[in-house]
Amino acid sequence: MFYTVGRYVVTFVLWVFNGRYRVVGKENLPTTGNYIIVGPHRALWDMIYFAMMAWPKHFAFMAKKELFKNPILRWILVHANAFSVDRENPGLSAIKTPVNILKKTDLSLIMFPSGSRHSQKLKGGSVVIAKTSGKPLIPVVYQGPLTLGELFNPFKRGGIAIGVGEPISIDKKMKLNDDTTAAIDKQLTDAFKTLDTQLDPNFVYVDPKAK
């Protein structure tokens, strides 16, 4: 209930301040079963747009453990299907928890292979989760405002676009090692680049922190 109500509230607020958003490739989302949306992390709210775009599918997502220290924020995160991850020492739970969610519930997963908005280098966690759970990876990219000032600027509404690529399935019999993981990471990176080009051939992501 919280997830559904929250979705409508957030959708309305974002529409008021930033207008409609554009989606290209939504037909690539599986119509049955769970899946893993993966994309480059570019803004604090890109996962919100990913979840809105894929409605009525519900999602779980990873959140760094520090966010759960605040009791109010922890309550919100838990009821929004978030689970805690220790970025410094992820441990087996960082794999086991999302795999169990994908296999034992009707929730799909949103995650960012780079783990941070300030790094575009992919890590292998999403590949391991996809292989272990038997669920496909869905490459998705966000283009739009990167700062709160840009997102809630009443004089510059719109311009948000989401691109959805074709599912990438990983054979459960495949042996994961440095080479196979790197090959799948490259497949994801290439998919992100293709989607960015489809949305805007002139798009170049610049980390606001680096400005």
C-alpha atoms as a PDB file:
ATOM      1  CA  MET A   1       0.000   0.000   0.000  1.00  0.00           C
ATOM      2  CA  PHE A   2       2.763   2.474   0.953  1.00  0.00           C
ATOM      3  CA  TYR A   3       4.611   1.757  -2.305  1.00  0.00           C
ATOM      4  CA  THR A   4       1.467   2.322  -4.398  1.00  0.00           C
ATOM      5  CA  VAL A   5       0.402   5.505  -2.608  1.00  0.00           C
ATOM      6  CA  GLY A   6       3.963   6.816  -2.604  1.00  0.00           C
ATOM      7  CA  ARG A   7       4.248   6.187  -6.317  1.00  0.00           C
ATOM      8  CA  TYR A   8       1.191   8.341  -7.067  1.00  0.00           C
ATOM      9  CA  VAL A   9       2.332  11.142  -4.742  1.00  0.00           C
ATOM     10  CA  VAL A  10       5.873  11.238  -6.139  1.00  0.00           C
ATOM     11  CA  THR A  11       4.612  11.020  -9.730  1.00  0.00           C
ATOM     12  CA  PHE A  12       2.305  13.991  -9.146  1.00  0.00           C
ATOM     13  CA  VAL A  13       4.999  16.107  -7.484  1.00  0.00           C
ATOM     14  CA  LEU A  14       7.529  15.413 -10.235  1.00  0.00           C
ATOM     15  CA  TRP A  15       4.911  16.139 -12.907  1.00  0.00           C
ATOM     16  CA  VAL A  16       4.040  19.484 -11.296  1.00  0.00           C
ATOM     17  CA  PHE A  17       7.647  20.614 -11.141  1.00  0.00           C
ATOM     18  CA  ASN A  18       9.110  18.952 -14.227  1.00  0.00           C
ATOM     19  CA  GLY A  19       6.287  17.916 -16.537  1.00  0.00           C
ATOM     20  CA  ARG A  20       6.069  14.729 -18.546  1.00  0.00           C
ATOM     21  CA  TYR A  21       8.966  12.423 -19.272  1.00  0.00           C
ATOM     22  CA  ARG A  22       9.699  10.440 -22.413  1.00  0.00           C
ATOM     23  CA  VAL A  23      10.286   6.684 -22.572  1.00  0.00           C
ATOM     24  CA  VAL A  24      11.888   4.860 -25.491  1.00  0.00           C
ATOM     25  CA  GLY A  25      11.965   1.057 -25.634  1.00  0.00           C
ATOM     26  CA  LYS A  26       9.432   0.266 -22.915  1.00  0.00           C
ATOM     27  CA  GLU A  27       8.334  -2.720 -24.991  1.00  0.00           C
ATOM     28  CA  ASN A  28      11.631  -4.364 -24.009  1.00  0.00           C
ATOM     29  CA  LEU A  29      10.429  -4.827 -20.420  1.00  0.00           C
ATOM     30  CA  PRO A  30       9.367  -8.436 -19.720  1.00  0.00           C
ATOM     31  CA  THR A  31       5.603  -8.798 -19.341  1.00  0.00           C
ATOM     32  CA  THR A  32       5.878 -11.721 -16.927  1.00  0.00           C
ATOM     33  CA  GLY A  33       8.272 -12.677 -14.143  1.00  0.00           C
ATOM     34  CA  ASN A  34      10.834 -10.619 -12.277  1.00  0.00           C
ATOM     35  CA  TYR A  35      13.846  -8.875 -13.736  1.00  0.00           C
ATOM     36  CA  ILE A  36      16.732  -6.589 -12.790  1.00  0.00           C
ATOM     37  CA  ILE A  37      16.836  -3.017 -14.073  1.00  0.00           C
ATOM     38  CA  VAL A  38      20.442  -1.839 -14.242  1.00  0.00           C
ATOM     39  CA  GLY A  39      21.736   1.537 -15.325  1.00  0.00           C
ATOM     40  CA  PRO A  40      24.420   4.161 -14.786  1.00  0.00           C
ATOM     41  CA  HIS A  41      23.651   6.128 -11.608  1.00  0.00           C
ATOM     42  CA  ARG A  42      23.361   9.771 -12.634  1.00  0.00           C
ATOM     43  CA  ALA A  43      20.924  11.462 -10.240  1.00  0.00           C
ATOM     44  CA  LEU A  44      19.441  10.869  -6.805  1.00  0.00           C
ATOM     45  CA  TRP A  45      16.044  10.272  -8.407  1.00  0.00           C
ATOM     46  CA  ASP A  46      16.851   8.192 -11.496  1.00  0.00           C
ATOM     47  CA  MET A  47      15.643   5.016  -9.735  1.00  0.00           C
ATOM     48  CA  ILE A  48      12.323   6.781  -9.072  1.00  0.00           C
ATOM     49  CA  TYR A  49      11.871   7.426 -12.783  1.00  0.00           C
ATOM     50  CA  PHE A  50      12.856   3.834 -13.569  1.00  0.00           C
ATOM     51  CA  ALA A  51      10.200   2.562 -11.158  1.00  0.00           C
ATOM     52  CA  MET A  52       7.549   4.965 -12.474  1.00  0.00           C
ATOM     53  CA  MET A  53       8.346   4.009 -16.055  1.00  0.00           C
ATOM     54  CA  ALA A  54       7.845   0.287 -15.333  1.00  0.00           C
ATOM     55  CA  TRP A  55       4.580   0.679 -13.378  1.00  0.00           C
ATOM     56  CA  PRO A  56       2.575  -1.377 -12.364  1.00  0.00           C
ATOM     57  CA  LYS A  57       5.591  -3.585 -11.622  1.00  0.00           C
ATOM     58  CA  HIS A  58       6.882  -3.111  -8.067  1.00  0.00           C
ATOM     59  CA  PHE A  59      10.586  -2.979  -7.234  1.00  0.00           C
ATOM     60  CA  ALA A  60      13.049  -3.476  -4.416  1.00  0.00           C
ATOM     61  CA  PHE A  61      16.325  -1.601  -4.366  1.00  0.00           C
ATOM     62  CA  MET A  62      19.605  -1.416  -2.497  1.00  0.00           C
ATOM     63  CA  ALA A  63      20.388   1.522  -0.222  1.00  0.00           C
ATOM     64  CA  LYS A  64      23.593   2.198   1.685  1.00  0.00           C
ATOM     65  CA  LYS A  65      23.359   1.272   5.352  1.00  0.00           C
ATOM     66  CA  GLU A  66      24.051   4.852   6.501  1.00  0.00           C
ATOM     67  CA  LEU A  67      20.601   5.906   5.275  1.00  0.00           C
ATOM     68  CA  PHE A  68      18.942   3.515   7.729  1.00  0.00           C
ATOM     69  CA  LYS A  69      20.399   5.249  10.795  1.00  0.00           C
ATOM     70  CA  ASN A  70      17.669   7.899  10.737  1.00  0.00           C
ATOM     71  CA  PRO A  71      14.505   6.218  12.135  1.00  0.00           C
ATOM     72  CA  ILE A  72      12.097   8.218   9.956  1.00  0.00           C
ATOM     73  CA  LEU A  73      14.092   7.639   6.785  1.00  0.00           C
ATOM     74  CA  ARG A  74      14.550   3.973   7.727  1.00  0.00           C
ATOM     75  CA  TRP A  75      10.763   3.546   8.021  1.00  0.00           C
ATOM     76  CA  ILE A  76      10.252   5.116   4.609  1.00  0.00           C
ATOM     77  CA  LEU A  77      12.971   3.028   2.983  1.00  0.00           C
ATOM     78  CA  VAL A  78      11.754  -0.249   4.453  1.00  0.00           C
ATOM     79  CA  HIS A  79       8.179   0.409   3.350  1.00  0.00           C
ATOM     80  CA  ALA A  80       9.457   1.367  -0.104  1.00  0.00           C
ATOM     81  CA  ASN A  81      11.070  -2.107  -0.409  1.00  0.00           C
ATOM     82  CA  ALA A  82      14.644  -0.948   0.198  1.00  0.00           C
ATOM     83  CA  PHE A  83      17.221  -3.132   1.912  1.00  0.00           C
ATOM     84  CA  SER A  84      20.489  -2.137   3.541  1.00  0.00           C
ATOM     85  CA  VAL A  85      23.892  -2.765   1.963  1.00  0.00           C
ATOM     86  CA  ASP A  86      27.297  -2.084   3.475  1.00  0.00           C
ATOM     87  CA  ARG A  87      29.284  -0.642   0.580  1.00  0.00           C
ATOM     88  CA  GLU A  88      32.607  -1.029   2.361  1.00  0.00           C
ATOM     89  CA  ASN A  89      32.043  -4.659   3.371  1.00  0.00           C
ATOM     90  CA  PRO A  90      29.085  -5.950   1.315  1.00  0.00           C
ATOM     91  CA  GLY A  91      29.332  -9.601   2.376  1.00  0.00           C
ATOM     92  CA  LEU A  92      27.132 -12.469   1.186  1.00  0.00           C
ATOM     93  CA  SER A  93      23.907 -10.680   2.149  1.00  0.00           C
ATOM     94  CA  ALA A  94      24.477  -8.190  -0.697  1.00  0.00           C
ATOM     95  CA  ILE A  95      23.902 -11.121  -3.065  1.00  0.00           C
ATOM     96  CA  LYS A  96      21.652 -13.411  -1.011  1.00  0.00           C
ATOM     97  CA  THR A  97      19.047 -10.772  -0.098  1.00  0.00           C
ATOM     98  CA  PRO A  98      18.277  -9.559  -3.648  1.00  0.00           C
ATOM     99  CA  VAL A  99      18.371 -13.113  -5.013  1.00  0.00           C
ATOM    100  CA  ASN A 100      15.778 -14.220  -2.448  1.00  0.00           C
ATOM    101  CA  ILE A 101      13.628 -11.194  -3.282  1.00  0.00           C
ATOM    102  CA  LEU A 102      13.736 -12.002  -6.990  1.00  0.00           C
ATOM    103  CA  LYS A 103      13.022 -15.703  -6.509  1.00  0.00           C
ATOM    104  CA  LYS A 104      10.546 -15.672  -3.619  1.00  0.00           C
ATOM    105  CA  THR A 105       8.505 -12.478  -4.073  1.00  0.00           C
ATOM    106  CA  ASP A 106       6.780 -10.614  -6.895  1.00  0.00           C
ATOM    107  CA  LEU A 107       9.280  -7.747  -6.637  1.00  0.00           C
ATOM    108  CA  SER A 108      11.809  -6.986  -9.339  1.00  0.00           C
ATOM    109  CA  LEU A 109      15.056  -5.141  -8.595  1.00  0.00           C
ATOM    110  CA  ILE A 110      16.584  -1.786  -9.502  1.00  0.00           C
ATOM    111  CA  MET A 111      20.331  -1.490  -9.036  1.00  0.00           C
ATOM    112  CA  PHE A 112      23.293   0.498 -10.261  1.00  0.00           C
ATOM    113  CA  PRO A 113      26.330  -1.659 -11.169  1.00  0.00           C
ATOM    114  CA  SER A 114      28.713   1.247 -10.525  1.00  0.00           C
ATOM    115  CA  GLY A 115      27.326   1.641  -6.992  1.00  0.00           C
ATOM    116  CA  SER A 116      27.780   5.425  -7.010  1.00  0.00           C
ATOM    117  CA  ARG A 117      26.731   8.545  -8.914  1.00  0.00           C
ATOM    118  CA  HIS A 118      30.375   9.602  -8.975  1.00  0.00           C
ATOM    119  CA  SER A 119      31.738   6.528 -10.719  1.00  0.00           C
ATOM    120  CA  GLN A 120      30.753   4.958 -14.025  1.00  0.00           C
ATOM    121  CA  LYS A 121      32.960   1.894 -13.610  1.00  0.00           C
ATOM    122  CA  LEU A 122      30.833  -1.242 -13.389  1.00  0.00           C
ATOM    123  CA  LYS A 123      31.186  -3.805 -10.627  1.00  0.00           C
ATOM    124  CA  GLY A 124      30.212  -7.455 -10.954  1.00  0.00           C
ATOM    125  CA  GLY A 125      27.403  -7.626  -8.381  1.00  0.00           C
ATOM    126  CA  SER A 126      24.531  -7.351 -10.850  1.00  0.00           C
ATOM    127  CA  VAL A 127      25.995 -10.155 -12.973  1.00  0.00           C
ATOM    128  CA  VAL A 128      26.248 -12.495  -9.981  1.00  0.00           C
ATOM    129  CA  ILE A 129      22.698 -11.671  -8.865  1.00  0.00           C
ATOM    130  CA  ALA A 130      21.322 -12.223 -12.367  1.00  0.00           C
ATOM    131  CA  LYS A 131      23.080 -15.561 -12.773  1.00  0.00           C
ATOM    132  CA  THR A 132      22.162 -16.851  -9.310  1.00  0.00           C
ATOM    133  CA  SER A 133      18.522 -15.771  -9.530  1.00  0.00           C
ATOM    134  CA  GLY A 134      18.050 -16.730 -13.159  1.00  0.00           C
ATOM    135  CA  LYS A 135      16.508 -13.311 -13.889  1.00  0.00           C
ATOM    136  CA  PRO A 136      17.444 -11.113 -16.888  1.00  0.00           C
ATOM    137  CA  LEU A 137      19.266  -7.801 -16.743  1.00  0.00           C
ATOM    138  CA  ILE A 138      17.423  -4.888 -18.362  1.00  0.00           C
ATOM    139  CA  PRO A 139      19.755  -2.007 -19.331  1.00  0.00           C
ATOM    140  CA  VAL A 140      18.103   1.380 -18.707  1.00  0.00           C
ATOM    141  CA  VAL A 141      19.465   4.936 -18.885  1.00  0.00           C
ATOM    142  CA  TYR A 142      18.270   8.279 -17.528  1.00  0.00           C
ATOM    143  CA  GLN A 143      18.825  11.626 -19.196  1.00  0.00           C
ATOM    144  CA  GLY A 144      17.657  14.788 -17.481  1.00  0.00           C
ATOM    145  CA  PRO A 145      18.291  17.144 -14.548  1.00  0.00           C
ATOM    146  CA  LEU A 146      21.148  16.062 -12.298  1.00  0.00           C
ATOM    147  CA  THR A 147      20.715  18.503  -9.403  1.00  0.00           C
ATOM    148  CA  LEU A 148      17.719  19.474  -7.272  1.00  0.00           C
ATOM    149  CA  GLY A 149      17.948  23.028  -8.564  1.00  0.00           C
ATOM    150  CA  GLU A 150      17.554  21.775 -12.128  1.00  0.00           C
ATOM    151  CA  LEU A 151      14.815  19.280 -11.275  1.00  0.00           C
ATOM    152  CA  PHE A 152      12.608  21.813  -9.499  1.00  0.00           C
ATOM    153  CA  ASN A 153      13.291  24.774 -11.771  1.00  0.00           C
ATOM    154  CA  PRO A 154       9.808  26.062 -12.792  1.00  0.00           C
ATOM    155  CA  PHE A 155      11.298  27.877 -15.778  1.00  0.00           C
ATOM    156  CA  LYS A 156      12.890  24.763 -17.228  1.00  0.00           C
ATOM    157  CA  ARG A 157      10.367  21.941 -17.161  1.00  0.00           C
ATOM    158  CA  GLY A 158      10.610  18.698 -19.104  1.00  0.00           C
ATOM    159  CA  GLY A 159      13.561  17.242 -20.923  1.00  0.00           C
ATOM    160  CA  ILE A 160      13.656  13.962 -18.987  1.00  0.00           C
ATOM    161  CA  ALA A 161      14.026  10.811 -21.069  1.00  0.00           C
ATOM    162  CA  ILE A 162      14.356   7.132 -20.180  1.00  0.00           C
ATOM    163  CA  GLY A 163      15.757   4.513 -22.566  1.00  0.00           C
ATOM    164  CA  VAL A 164      15.101   0.779 -22.112  1.00  0.00           C
ATOM    165  CA  GLY A 165      17.242  -1.842 -23.826  1.00  0.00           C
ATOM    166  CA  GLU A 166      16.693  -5.490 -24.660  1.00  0.00           C
ATOM    167  CA  PRO A 167      17.008  -8.070 -21.844  1.00  0.00           C
ATOM    168  CA  ILE A 168      20.385  -9.684 -21.256  1.00  0.00           C
ATOM    169  CA  SER A 169      20.081 -13.234 -19.932  1.00  0.00           C
ATOM    170  CA  ILE A 170      22.938 -15.069 -18.267  1.00  0.00           C
ATOM    171  CA  ASP A 171      23.164 -18.834 -18.587  1.00  0.00           C
ATOM    172  CA  LYS A 172      23.095 -20.371 -15.096  1.00  0.00           C
ATOM    173  CA  LYS A 173      25.647 -22.914 -16.332  1.00  0.00           C
ATOM    174  CA  MET A 174      28.109 -20.184 -17.252  1.00  0.00           C
ATOM    175  CA  LYS A 175      31.177 -20.085 -15.047  1.00  0.00           C
ATOM    176  CA  LEU A 176      31.739 -16.573 -13.791  1.00  0.00           C
ATOM    177  CA  ASN A 177      35.327 -15.428 -13.775  1.00  0.00           C
ATOM    178  CA  ASP A 178      37.115 -12.173 -14.566  1.00  0.00           C
ATOM    179  CA  ASP A 179      36.803 -12.697 -18.324  1.00  0.00           C
ATOM    180  CA  THR A 180      33.116 -13.663 -18.471  1.00  0.00           C
ATOM    181  CA  THR A 181      32.125 -10.957 -15.994  1.00  0.00           C
ATOM    182  CA  ALA A 182      34.080  -8.354 -17.972  1.00  0.00           C
ATOM    183  CA  ALA A 183      32.368  -9.512 -21.181  1.00  0.00           C
ATOM    184  CA  ILE A 184      28.892  -9.056 -19.663  1.00  0.00           C
ATOM    185  CA  ASP A 185      29.887  -5.696 -18.172  1.00  0.00           C
ATOM    186  CA  LYS A 186      30.992  -4.599 -21.647  1.00  0.00           C
ATOM    187  CA  GLN A 187      27.656  -5.761 -23.047  1.00  0.00           C
ATOM    188  CA  LEU A 188      25.906  -3.576 -20.484  1.00  0.00           C
ATOM    189  CA  THR A 189      28.177  -0.595 -21.125  1.00  0.00           C
ATOM    190  CA  ASP A 190      27.604  -0.889 -24.869  1.00  0.00           C
ATOM    191  CA  ALA A 191      23.848  -1.074 -24.271  1.00  0.00           C
ATOM    192  CA  PHE A 192      23.972   2.107 -22.155  1.00  0.00           C
ATOM    193  CA  LYS A 193      25.877   3.928 -24.899  1.00  0.00           C
ATOM    194  CA  THR A 194      23.419   2.762 -27.555  1.00  0.00           C
ATOM    195  CA  LEU A 195      20.427   3.888 -25.499  1.00  0.00           C
ATOM    196  CA  ASP A 196      21.994   7.288 -24.783  1.00  0.00           C
ATOM    197  CA  THR A 197      22.590   7.783 -28.496  1.00  0.00           C
ATOM    198  CA  GLN A 198      19.020   6.793 -29.330  1.00  0.00           C
ATOM    199  CA  LEU A 199      17.660   9.328 -26.847  1.00  0.00           C
ATOM    200  CA  ASP A 200      20.079  12.106 -27.786  1.00  0.00           C
ATOM    201  CA  PRO A 201      23.047  11.666 -30.161  1.00  0.00           C
ATOM    202  CA  ASN A 202      24.766  14.643 -28.522  1.00  0.00           C
ATOM    203  CA  PHE A 203      24.336  13.492 -24.923  1.00  0.00           C
ATOM    204  CA  VAL A 204      27.401  13.554 -22.683  1.00  0.00           C
ATOM    205  CA  TYR A 205      27.120  12.807 -18.966  1.00  0.00           C
ATOM    206  CA  VAL A 206      29.102  15.147 -16.709  1.00  0.00           C
ATOM    207  CA  ASP A 207      29.153  14.399 -12.982  1.00  0.00           C
ATOM    208  CA  PRO A 208      27.900  17.585 -11.223  1.00  0.00           C
ATOM    209  CA  LYS A 209      30.484  16.969  -8.495  1.00  0.00           C
ATOM    210  CA  ALA A 210      33.247  17.346 -11.074  1.00  0.00           C
ATOM    211  CA  LYS A 211      32.039  20.758 -12.243  1.00  0.00           C
END
